[in-house]
Protein backbone atom coordinates (compact mmCIF):
# COMPACT_ATOMS: atom_id res chain seq x y z
CA UNK A 1 -18.92 261.70 373.85
CA UNK A 2 -22.70 262.12 373.27
CA UNK A 3 -24.82 259.03 373.45
CA UNK A 4 -25.73 257.17 370.47
CA UNK A 5 -29.24 257.79 369.32
CA UNK A 6 -29.35 257.10 365.33
CA UNK A 7 -27.52 254.58 363.39
CA UNK A 8 -26.93 254.83 359.66
CA UNK A 9 -26.27 251.22 357.96
CA UNK A 10 -24.24 250.86 354.81
CA UNK A 11 -25.94 248.12 352.91
CA UNK A 12 -23.68 245.88 350.74
CA UNK A 13 -21.13 244.18 352.73
CA UNK A 14 -22.62 245.25 356.24
CA UNK A 15 -25.86 243.94 355.82
CA UNK A 16 -26.36 242.04 352.53
CA UNK A 17 -23.09 240.01 351.95
CA UNK A 18 -21.15 240.99 348.87
CA UNK A 19 -18.31 239.32 347.09
CA UNK A 20 -16.42 242.15 344.82
CA UNK A 21 -14.34 239.66 342.85
CA UNK A 22 -17.50 237.93 341.50
CA UNK A 23 -18.03 240.63 339.09
CA UNK A 24 -14.81 240.42 337.30
CA UNK A 25 -15.19 236.32 337.54
CA UNK A 26 -18.40 236.44 336.11
CA UNK A 27 -16.99 238.85 333.13
CA UNK A 28 -14.33 236.33 332.59
CA UNK A 29 -16.71 233.42 332.61
CA UNK A 30 -18.64 235.29 329.69
CA UNK A 31 -15.24 235.77 327.82
CA UNK A 32 -14.47 239.06 328.92
CA UNK A 33 -11.27 239.15 329.71
CA UNK A 34 -10.21 242.88 328.62
CA UNK A 35 -11.91 245.00 331.38
CA UNK A 36 -8.81 245.80 333.80
CA UNK A 37 -9.76 246.67 337.03
CA UNK A 38 -12.60 249.00 337.28
CA UNK A 39 -14.76 247.67 340.58
CA UNK A 40 -13.56 246.71 343.81
CA UNK A 41 -14.25 247.54 347.30
CA UNK A 42 -12.08 250.45 347.33
CA UNK A 43 -12.88 251.95 343.70
CA UNK A 44 -14.44 251.90 340.33
CA UNK A 45 -14.88 254.19 337.32
CA UNK A 46 -16.66 257.15 336.82
CA UNK A 47 -19.22 255.71 334.62
CA UNK A 48 -20.16 253.18 337.49
CA UNK A 49 -20.14 256.24 339.95
CA UNK A 50 -22.76 258.08 337.08
CA UNK A 51 -24.53 254.91 337.45
CA UNK A 52 -25.09 254.62 341.01
CA UNK A 53 -25.88 258.38 340.97
CA UNK A 54 -28.75 257.61 338.89
CA UNK A 55 -27.16 259.69 336.42
CA UNK A 56 -26.99 256.88 333.79
CA UNK A 57 -29.58 254.57 332.84
CA UNK A 58 -29.36 250.99 332.74
CA UNK A 59 -29.75 250.81 328.90
CA UNK A 60 -26.95 253.41 328.47
CA UNK A 61 -25.06 251.18 331.32
CA UNK A 62 -25.42 248.22 329.08
CA UNK A 63 -23.95 250.29 325.73
CA UNK A 64 -21.01 251.60 328.22
CA UNK A 65 -19.99 248.12 329.31
CA UNK A 66 -20.37 246.85 325.40
CA UNK A 67 -18.26 249.72 324.15
CA UNK A 68 -15.83 249.48 326.89
CA UNK A 69 -14.80 245.80 326.58
CA UNK A 70 -15.58 245.46 323.05
CA UNK A 71 -17.79 242.10 323.61
CA UNK A 72 -21.72 242.12 322.27
CA UNK A 73 -22.79 240.54 325.79
CA UNK A 74 -26.68 241.01 325.62
CA UNK A 75 -28.67 243.05 328.36
CA UNK A 76 -29.67 240.11 330.59
CA UNK A 77 -25.63 239.05 330.26
CA UNK A 78 -24.80 242.25 331.86
CA UNK A 79 -27.07 242.16 334.43
CA UNK A 80 -26.05 238.88 335.54
CA UNK A 81 -22.67 239.82 335.73
CA UNK A 82 -23.55 242.85 337.81
CA UNK A 83 -25.00 240.96 339.97
CA UNK A 84 -22.99 238.33 340.83
CA UNK A 85 -21.50 240.54 343.43
CA UNK A 86 -24.45 239.89 345.42
CA UNK A 87 -24.88 236.94 348.08
CA UNK A 88 -27.38 237.12 350.65
CA UNK A 89 -28.77 238.83 353.75
CA UNK A 90 -28.95 236.36 356.80
CA UNK A 91 -32.20 236.55 359.00
CA UNK A 92 -30.35 237.51 361.88
CA UNK A 93 -29.67 240.80 360.70
CA UNK A 94 -33.11 241.34 359.72
CA UNK A 95 -34.00 240.18 363.50
CA UNK A 96 -31.39 242.63 364.71
CA UNK A 97 -32.62 245.65 362.73
CA UNK A 98 -36.16 245.09 363.87
CA UNK A 99 -35.03 245.05 367.88
CA UNK A 100 -32.80 248.40 366.96
CA UNK A 101 -35.48 250.07 365.74
CA UNK A 102 -36.89 250.04 369.48
CA UNK A 103 -33.84 251.92 370.60
CA UNK A 104 -32.22 253.75 368.03
CA UNK A 105 -33.51 255.72 364.94
CA UNK A 106 -32.08 253.40 362.13
CA UNK A 107 -31.41 254.79 358.82
CA UNK A 108 -30.01 252.88 355.52
CA UNK A 109 -27.46 254.86 353.35
CA UNK A 110 -26.49 252.85 350.04
CA UNK A 111 -24.07 253.16 347.28
CA UNK A 112 -26.19 251.15 344.79
CA UNK A 113 -27.57 251.35 341.43
CA UNK A 114 -30.71 250.14 339.64
CA UNK A 115 -29.54 246.83 338.38
CA UNK A 116 -28.24 245.87 341.98
CA UNK A 117 -31.56 247.43 343.57
CA UNK A 118 -34.12 245.65 341.43
CA UNK A 119 -31.98 242.19 341.82
CA UNK A 120 -31.85 242.56 345.84
CA UNK A 121 -35.37 243.94 346.46
CA UNK A 122 -37.11 241.30 344.41
CA UNK A 123 -34.59 238.58 346.08
CA UNK A 124 -35.18 239.93 349.97
CA UNK A 125 -39.16 240.20 349.16
CA UNK A 126 -39.36 236.64 348.31
CA UNK A 127 -36.70 235.61 351.25
CA UNK A 128 -38.73 237.07 354.10
CA UNK A 129 -42.29 237.72 352.67
CA UNK A 130 -42.63 241.32 353.45
CA UNK A 131 -40.53 244.29 352.52
CA UNK A 132 -37.65 244.93 354.88
CA UNK A 133 -36.95 248.60 353.91
CA UNK A 134 -39.98 250.25 355.65
CA UNK A 135 -40.42 247.53 357.95
CA UNK A 136 -36.58 247.80 359.27
CA UNK A 137 -35.34 251.62 358.67
CA UNK A 138 -37.02 254.81 359.62
CA UNK A 139 -35.77 255.67 356.36
CA UNK A 140 -33.87 254.35 353.77
CA UNK A 141 -31.57 256.27 351.10
CA UNK A 142 -29.72 255.08 348.02
CA UNK A 143 -27.77 256.88 345.57
CA UNK A 144 -28.96 256.04 342.33
CA UNK A 145 -32.39 257.81 343.51
CA UNK A 146 -31.10 260.65 345.53
CA UNK A 147 -28.20 261.39 343.14
CA UNK A 148 -25.91 261.49 345.74
CA UNK A 149 -23.22 259.23 346.47
CA UNK A 150 -20.59 258.34 349.54
CA UNK A 151 -18.40 259.52 350.57
CA UNK A 152 -19.35 263.16 349.26
CA UNK A 153 -21.00 265.28 352.14
CA UNK A 154 -23.93 266.01 350.69
CA UNK A 155 -25.43 262.71 351.14
CA UNK A 156 -24.84 262.83 354.71
CA UNK A 157 -25.66 266.46 355.36
CA UNK A 158 -29.30 265.38 353.40
CA UNK A 159 -29.85 262.57 355.51
CA UNK A 160 -29.05 264.94 358.80
CA UNK A 161 -31.01 267.65 357.91
CA UNK A 162 -34.57 265.31 356.43
CA UNK A 163 -34.18 262.99 359.63
CA UNK A 164 -33.35 265.34 362.07
CA UNK A 165 -30.24 263.77 363.31
CA UNK A 166 -27.69 265.51 365.73
CA UNK A 167 -24.43 264.45 364.23
CA UNK A 168 -22.53 263.65 367.52
CA UNK A 169 -25.64 261.50 368.44
CA UNK A 170 -25.04 259.37 365.08
CA UNK A 171 -23.07 256.63 363.98
CA UNK A 172 -22.10 255.42 360.80
CA UNK A 173 -21.09 252.19 359.74
CA UNK A 174 -19.49 251.18 356.59
CA UNK A 175 -17.01 248.19 355.59
CA UNK A 176 -15.24 250.95 352.96
CA UNK A 177 -13.10 253.15 355.13
CA UNK A 178 -12.88 255.98 352.91
CA UNK A 179 -16.77 256.18 353.16
CA UNK A 180 -16.26 256.82 357.19
CA UNK A 181 -14.64 260.23 356.01
CA UNK A 182 -17.28 262.00 354.46
CA UNK A 183 -19.67 260.80 357.89
CA UNK A 184 -17.13 262.46 360.10
CA UNK A 185 -16.56 265.51 358.11
CA UNK A 186 -20.13 266.48 358.77
CA UNK A 187 -19.53 265.46 362.56
CA UNK A 188 -21.15 262.19 362.25
CA UNK A 189 -19.23 259.22 363.79
CA UNK A 190 -17.96 256.07 361.98
CA UNK A 191 -16.99 252.70 362.35
CA UNK A 192 -15.48 250.47 360.06
CA UNK A 193 -17.12 247.17 359.77
CA UNK A 194 -13.85 244.52 359.15
CA UNK A 195 -13.63 241.09 359.63
CA UNK A 196 -16.68 241.07 361.93
CA UNK A 197 -20.61 240.08 361.45
CA UNK A 198 -22.49 243.47 362.47
CA UNK A 199 -24.66 241.67 364.75
CA UNK A 200 -21.51 241.37 366.44
CA UNK A 201 -21.34 244.98 367.34
CA UNK A 202 -23.95 244.78 370.02
CA UNK A 203 -24.26 243.03 373.27
CA UNK A 204 -27.84 241.49 374.30
CA UNK A 205 -29.04 245.05 375.38
CA UNK A 206 -28.51 246.56 372.21
CA UNK A 207 -25.64 248.63 373.29
CA UNK A 208 -22.75 248.74 371.63
CA UNK A 209 -19.71 246.79 372.63
CA UNK A 210 -16.32 248.55 373.51
CA UNK A 211 -14.75 248.46 370.40
CA UNK A 212 -17.22 250.65 368.47
CA UNK A 213 -17.39 252.90 371.62
CA UNK A 214 -13.77 253.48 371.15
CA UNK A 215 -14.35 254.22 367.42
CA UNK A 216 -16.90 257.29 368.24
CA UNK A 217 -13.83 258.66 370.51
CA UNK A 218 -11.68 259.07 367.75
CA UNK A 219 -10.56 262.22 366.16
CA UNK A 220 -11.02 262.85 362.47
CA UNK A 221 -7.88 261.85 360.39
CA UNK A 222 -6.81 264.03 357.57
CA UNK A 223 -9.48 264.24 355.01
CA UNK A 224 -8.74 261.92 351.86
CA UNK A 225 -9.80 262.62 348.30
CA UNK A 226 -12.98 260.98 347.25
CA UNK A 227 -12.47 261.35 343.69
CA UNK A 228 -12.12 258.09 341.42
CA UNK A 229 -8.99 258.52 339.28
CA UNK A 230 -8.94 254.83 337.73
CA UNK A 231 -10.81 254.24 334.68
CA UNK A 232 -11.84 251.10 333.09
CA UNK A 233 -9.04 250.37 330.44
CA UNK A 234 -9.07 248.08 327.15
CA UNK A 235 -5.78 246.20 327.31
């Protein structure tokens, strides 16, 4: 196995704490109980996929939510509901990223949307008093601005090309296992972060712990289907 020189981080669930269940609970708190299961760690509706790729504006998304739910929620309420998923980014993870940049090329690749981005960007700027994105990363890629989202391979290929990364020298860390397959398909190593803080993946010299090294040695498993098939259905 080649030496890892580059790390591509997912954002929500890896660096920024999120709780997926909060969205459904927030809908219910506003009296919208007929949404079905449309947004979890492992799937979401095609409409949300489009929103995450910047193919649907926030205004169009607000209208989609109102039509799908049959509830006349205001734009502000819908934004509040959607942003309920966002929790916080601990300071130690920012400190880790700053240290890692001295040893690795550090890139961010996040499936997000304009509503979430505006919320966490403002929160982090106020919390740390500086813009963490250009400070902590060599490059940042957000699905809603690049019009590509994980786990499709086009986003990974673009990052490799634009950043001049060698796939076998690159590790991608994500909390959503299906996203790893897109990375592995183009030759990038993948690590599924599960029940562990990302800070615990490195020793005091910023080398990867053995568990991560073992993950990099695994073969690519059978390719999975990346298409979203579940719909937000009204009951």
